[in-house]
N, C-alpha and C. Protein backbone atom coordinates (compact mmCIF):
# COMPACT_ATOMS: atom_id res chain seq x y z
N UNK A 1 113.20 89.58 103.72
CA UNK A 1 113.50 90.69 103.08
C UNK A 1 113.56 90.38 101.46
N UNK A 2 113.27 91.24 100.78
CA UNK A 2 113.59 91.07 99.45
C UNK A 2 114.47 92.35 98.94
N UNK A 3 115.30 91.88 97.86
CA UNK A 3 116.19 92.67 97.19
C UNK A 3 115.57 93.82 96.09
N UNK A 4 116.13 94.58 96.03
CA UNK A 4 115.51 95.76 95.02
C UNK A 4 114.93 95.13 93.68
N UNK A 5 115.76 93.82 93.27
CA UNK A 5 115.45 93.32 92.07
C UNK A 5 114.21 92.47 92.17
N UNK A 6 113.89 91.88 93.65
CA UNK A 6 112.82 91.29 93.70
C UNK A 6 111.62 91.89 93.78
N UNK A 7 111.97 93.22 94.37
CA UNK A 7 110.72 94.16 94.68
C UNK A 7 110.30 94.60 93.00
N UNK A 8 111.34 94.84 92.10
CA UNK A 8 110.70 95.28 90.78
C UNK A 8 109.93 94.05 90.37
N UNK A 9 110.24 93.21 90.67
CA UNK A 9 109.60 91.63 89.91
C UNK A 9 108.11 91.78 90.46
N UNK A 10 108.15 91.80 91.44
CA UNK A 10 107.01 91.74 92.38
C UNK A 10 105.91 93.07 91.65
N UNK A 11 106.40 94.04 91.54
CA UNK A 11 105.62 95.44 91.25
C UNK A 11 105.24 94.67 89.59
N UNK A 12 106.12 94.28 88.79
CA UNK A 12 105.91 93.83 87.40
C UNK A 12 104.58 92.73 87.52
N UNK A 13 104.73 91.90 88.53
CA UNK A 13 103.69 91.09 88.80
C UNK A 13 102.29 91.60 88.89
N UNK A 14 102.41 92.68 89.83
CA UNK A 14 101.09 93.35 90.30
C UNK A 14 100.56 93.82 89.15
N UNK A 15 101.16 94.75 88.20
CA UNK A 15 100.85 95.23 87.01
C UNK A 15 100.08 94.32 86.32
N UNK A 16 100.87 92.99 86.03
CA UNK A 16 100.10 91.84 85.18
C UNK A 16 98.59 91.60 85.83
N UNK A 17 98.63 91.67 87.17
CA UNK A 17 97.19 91.29 87.76
C UNK A 17 96.22 92.32 87.46
N UNK A 18 96.85 93.57 87.53
CA UNK A 18 95.96 94.58 87.26
C UNK A 18 95.54 94.59 85.67
N UNK A 19 96.06 94.34 84.98
CA UNK A 19 95.83 94.37 83.32
C UNK A 19 94.93 93.21 83.43
N UNK A 20 94.76 92.58 83.94
CA UNK A 20 93.66 91.26 83.73
C UNK A 20 92.64 91.64 84.52
N UNK A 21 92.44 92.06 85.60
CA UNK A 21 91.35 92.37 86.61
C UNK A 21 90.67 93.78 86.05
N UNK A 22 91.53 94.89 85.47
CA UNK A 22 91.18 96.22 85.48
C UNK A 22 89.48 96.29 84.82
N UNK A 23 89.42 95.63 83.79
CA UNK A 23 87.94 95.98 82.87
C UNK A 23 86.94 95.58 83.85
N UNK A 24 87.14 94.33 84.32
CA UNK A 24 85.83 93.82 85.12
C UNK A 24 85.75 94.49 86.41
N UNK A 25 86.76 94.65 86.99
CA UNK A 25 86.52 95.74 88.17
C UNK A 25 85.82 96.91 88.29
N UNK A 26 86.34 97.68 86.96
CA UNK A 26 85.90 98.92 86.75
C UNK A 26 84.24 98.69 86.25
N UNK A 27 84.23 97.69 85.63
CA UNK A 27 82.94 97.31 84.88
C UNK A 27 82.43 98.10 83.50
N UNK A 28 83.69 97.97 82.99
CA UNK A 28 83.75 98.83 81.63
C UNK A 28 83.70 99.91 81.81
N UNK A 29 83.40 100.70 82.49
CA UNK A 29 83.07 102.32 82.51
C UNK A 29 84.27 103.02 82.33
N UNK A 30 84.50 103.62 81.28
CA UNK A 30 85.72 104.45 81.12
C UNK A 30 85.71 105.38 82.06
N UNK A 31 84.82 106.10 82.45
CA UNK A 31 84.60 107.19 83.43
C UNK A 31 85.16 107.24 84.87
N UNK A 32 84.86 105.75 85.29
CA UNK A 32 85.11 105.12 86.73
C UNK A 32 86.70 105.12 86.87
N UNK A 33 87.00 105.66 87.91
CA UNK A 33 88.63 105.60 88.55
C UNK A 33 88.32 105.07 90.08
N UNK A 34 89.62 104.47 90.25
CA UNK A 34 89.47 104.28 91.59
C UNK A 34 91.37 104.58 92.24
N UNK A 35 91.31 104.65 93.50
CA UNK A 35 92.60 104.97 94.05
C UNK A 35 93.57 103.72 94.00
N UNK A 36 94.84 104.18 93.93
CA UNK A 36 95.80 103.15 94.05
C UNK A 36 95.89 102.37 94.93
N UNK A 37 95.41 102.95 96.04
CA UNK A 37 95.37 101.76 97.43
C UNK A 37 94.40 100.48 97.17
N UNK A 38 93.26 100.77 96.42
CA UNK A 38 92.19 99.85 96.08
C UNK A 38 92.80 99.01 95.05
N UNK A 39 93.64 99.60 94.08
CA UNK A 39 93.95 98.52 92.97
C UNK A 39 95.22 97.75 93.80
N UNK A 40 95.90 98.16 94.67
CA UNK A 40 97.27 97.55 95.04
C UNK A 40 95.95 96.24 95.96
N UNK A 41 95.08 96.51 96.87
CA UNK A 41 94.47 95.68 97.48
C UNK A 41 93.80 94.57 96.87
N UNK A 42 93.05 94.70 95.51
CA UNK A 42 92.51 93.79 94.72
C UNK A 42 93.60 92.80 93.84
N UNK A 43 94.95 93.51 93.78
CA UNK A 43 95.66 92.79 93.04
C UNK A 43 96.58 91.81 94.05
N UNK A 44 96.62 92.20 95.47
CA UNK A 44 97.19 91.24 96.35
C UNK A 44 96.35 90.18 96.89
N UNK A 45 94.77 90.27 96.91
CA UNK A 45 93.86 89.82 97.35
C UNK A 45 93.85 88.44 96.87
N UNK A 46 93.23 87.53 97.63
CA UNK A 46 93.03 86.09 97.08
C UNK A 46 94.26 85.32 96.27
N UNK A 47 95.39 85.70 96.69
CA UNK A 47 96.76 85.18 96.13
C UNK A 47 96.71 85.30 94.43
N UNK A 48 96.26 86.32 94.10
CA UNK A 48 96.28 86.63 92.55
C UNK A 48 97.51 86.44 92.16
N UNK A 49 98.63 87.24 92.96
CA UNK A 49 100.00 87.52 92.37
C UNK A 49 100.44 86.15 92.22
N UNK A 50 99.89 85.41 93.24
CA UNK A 50 101.01 83.87 93.25
C UNK A 50 100.55 83.27 91.88
N UNK A 51 99.55 83.24 91.41
CA UNK A 51 99.65 82.54 89.97
C UNK A 51 100.59 82.74 88.82
N UNK A 52 101.04 81.63 88.61
CA UNK A 52 102.44 81.81 87.60
C UNK A 52 102.01 82.22 86.39
N UNK A 53 101.08 82.65 85.97
CA UNK A 53 100.74 83.44 84.45
C UNK A 53 101.19 84.96 84.86
N UNK A 54 101.13 85.20 85.91
CA UNK A 54 101.59 86.54 86.44
C UNK A 54 103.05 87.04 86.54
N UNK A 55 103.90 86.13 86.50
CA UNK A 55 105.11 86.04 86.67
C UNK A 55 105.95 86.80 85.49
N UNK A 56 106.85 87.82 86.00
CA UNK A 56 107.45 88.47 84.43
C UNK A 56 108.25 87.67 83.75
N UNK A 57 108.53 87.81 82.50
CA UNK A 57 109.20 87.15 81.38
C UNK A 57 110.53 86.70 81.89
N UNK A 58 110.80 85.49 81.88
CA UNK A 58 112.18 85.09 82.17
C UNK A 58 112.32 84.46 83.51
N UNK A 59 111.27 84.69 84.45
CA UNK A 59 111.23 84.07 85.65
C UNK A 59 110.54 82.55 85.62
N UNK A 60 111.43 81.62 86.22
CA UNK A 60 111.07 80.29 86.10
C UNK A 60 109.60 80.09 87.03
N UNK A 61 108.79 79.21 86.89
CA UNK A 61 107.72 79.01 87.62
C UNK A 61 107.83 78.89 89.42
N UNK A 62 108.96 77.93 89.43
CA UNK A 62 109.28 77.80 90.86
C UNK A 62 110.01 78.70 91.60
N UNK A 63 110.59 79.69 90.88
CA UNK A 63 111.27 80.87 91.48
C UNK A 63 110.40 82.20 91.82
N UNK A 64 109.18 82.09 90.84
CA UNK A 64 108.06 82.61 91.20
C UNK A 64 107.11 82.37 92.27
N UNK A 65 107.05 81.23 92.34
CA UNK A 65 106.06 80.72 93.37
C UNK A 65 107.01 80.84 94.76
N UNK A 66 108.27 81.04 94.76
CA UNK A 66 109.05 81.02 96.02
C UNK A 66 109.29 82.38 96.35
N UNK A 67 109.50 83.30 95.23
CA UNK A 67 109.48 84.77 95.67
C UNK A 67 108.10 85.19 96.13
N UNK A 68 106.93 84.82 95.54
CA UNK A 68 105.81 85.49 95.95
C UNK A 68 105.22 84.66 97.58
N UNK A 69 105.83 83.71 97.76
CA UNK A 69 105.61 83.14 98.97
C UNK A 69 106.50 84.13 99.76
N UNK A 70 107.78 84.35 99.79
CA UNK A 70 108.47 85.21 100.88
C UNK A 70 107.69 86.41 100.89
N UNK A 71 107.23 87.31 99.43
CA UNK A 71 106.78 88.43 99.79
C UNK A 71 105.18 88.40 100.63
N UNK A 72 104.38 87.29 100.57
CA UNK A 72 103.33 87.29 101.25
C UNK A 72 103.43 87.03 102.76
N UNK A 73 104.92 86.64 103.06
CA UNK A 73 105.22 86.33 104.60
C UNK A 73 105.45 87.73 105.15
N UNK A 74 105.45 88.50 104.27
CA UNK A 74 105.98 89.92 104.80
C UNK A 74 104.81 90.73 105.57
N UNK A 75 104.94 91.65 106.69
CA UNK A 75 103.60 92.32 107.07
C UNK A 75 102.82 92.69 105.83
N UNK A 76 101.51 93.27 106.11
CA UNK A 76 100.74 93.95 105.31
C UNK A 76 101.69 95.29 104.69
N UNK A 77 101.89 95.77 105.88
CA UNK A 77 102.58 97.21 105.75
C UNK A 77 103.78 97.09 104.62
N UNK A 78 104.59 96.26 104.88
CA UNK A 78 105.84 96.10 103.95
C UNK A 78 105.19 95.60 102.60
N UNK A 79 104.20 94.68 102.39
CA UNK A 79 103.75 94.29 101.16
C UNK A 79 103.40 95.49 100.30
N UNK A 80 102.42 96.39 101.30
CA UNK A 80 101.93 97.67 100.53
C UNK A 80 103.15 98.72 100.03
N UNK A 81 103.95 98.93 100.69
CA UNK A 81 105.10 99.73 100.48
C UNK A 81 105.79 99.18 99.29
N UNK A 82 106.03 98.08 98.99
CA UNK A 82 106.62 97.54 97.82
C UNK A 82 105.69 97.72 96.74
N UNK A 83 104.50 97.35 97.24
CA UNK A 83 103.38 97.17 95.87
C UNK A 83 103.07 98.87 95.50
N UNK A 84 103.53 99.99 96.32
CA UNK A 84 103.36 101.12 95.78
C UNK A 84 104.39 101.61 94.71
N UNK A 85 105.31 100.56 94.43
CA UNK A 85 106.21 101.09 93.27
C UNK A 85 105.96 100.73 91.94
N UNK A 86 104.26 99.95 91.89
CA UNK A 86 104.16 99.11 90.53
C UNK A 86 103.64 100.30 89.82
N UNK A 87 103.55 101.62 90.28
CA UNK A 87 103.06 102.55 89.27
C UNK A 87 103.19 103.83 89.73
N UNK A 88 103.52 104.86 88.98
CA UNK A 88 103.44 106.34 89.46
C UNK A 88 102.18 107.05 89.69
N UNK A 89 101.22 106.45 89.00
CA UNK A 89 99.72 106.70 89.24
C UNK A 89 99.09 106.80 90.66
N UNK A 90 98.11 107.87 90.72
CA UNK A 90 97.41 107.73 92.27
C UNK A 90 96.08 107.42 91.91
N UNK A 91 95.57 107.34 90.81
CA UNK A 91 94.32 106.67 90.60
C UNK A 91 94.22 105.96 89.39
N UNK A 92 93.46 105.00 88.94
CA UNK A 92 93.31 104.15 87.92
C UNK A 92 92.08 104.06 87.31
N UNK A 93 91.85 103.94 85.86
CA UNK A 93 90.80 103.64 85.21
C UNK A 93 91.25 103.06 83.86
N UNK A 94 90.05 102.89 82.95
CA UNK A 94 90.42 102.23 81.91
C UNK A 94 91.15 103.22 80.51
C-alpha cells in the first residue's frame, strides 16, 4: 500500500514520462489525441517509470527505486487507479 504522498510522487513521475514520450507517440501530429488509459499504459510499460530520470525533484535515487518497486508490485488495477490521478484530462495531444 502506498501513502497519499507516495501516490502523488508516482503521478508526478508518470507526468515526467509522458512529457518525454508524447511527441514521439503522437508522431508530431498536433491534431492527434489519445485516451488517458492509453497514456497510462505506455507510461507504465517497459519500466519507464522506474528510470531515475523521472523521479520528482528532491526524491533520492534509491528512494525512487524502492517506491517504484513497491508500485509495480501492486495489481494492475491498483496501479491504474493510482495513475488516474496524474491528470484531470481524459484525452491527450500535443
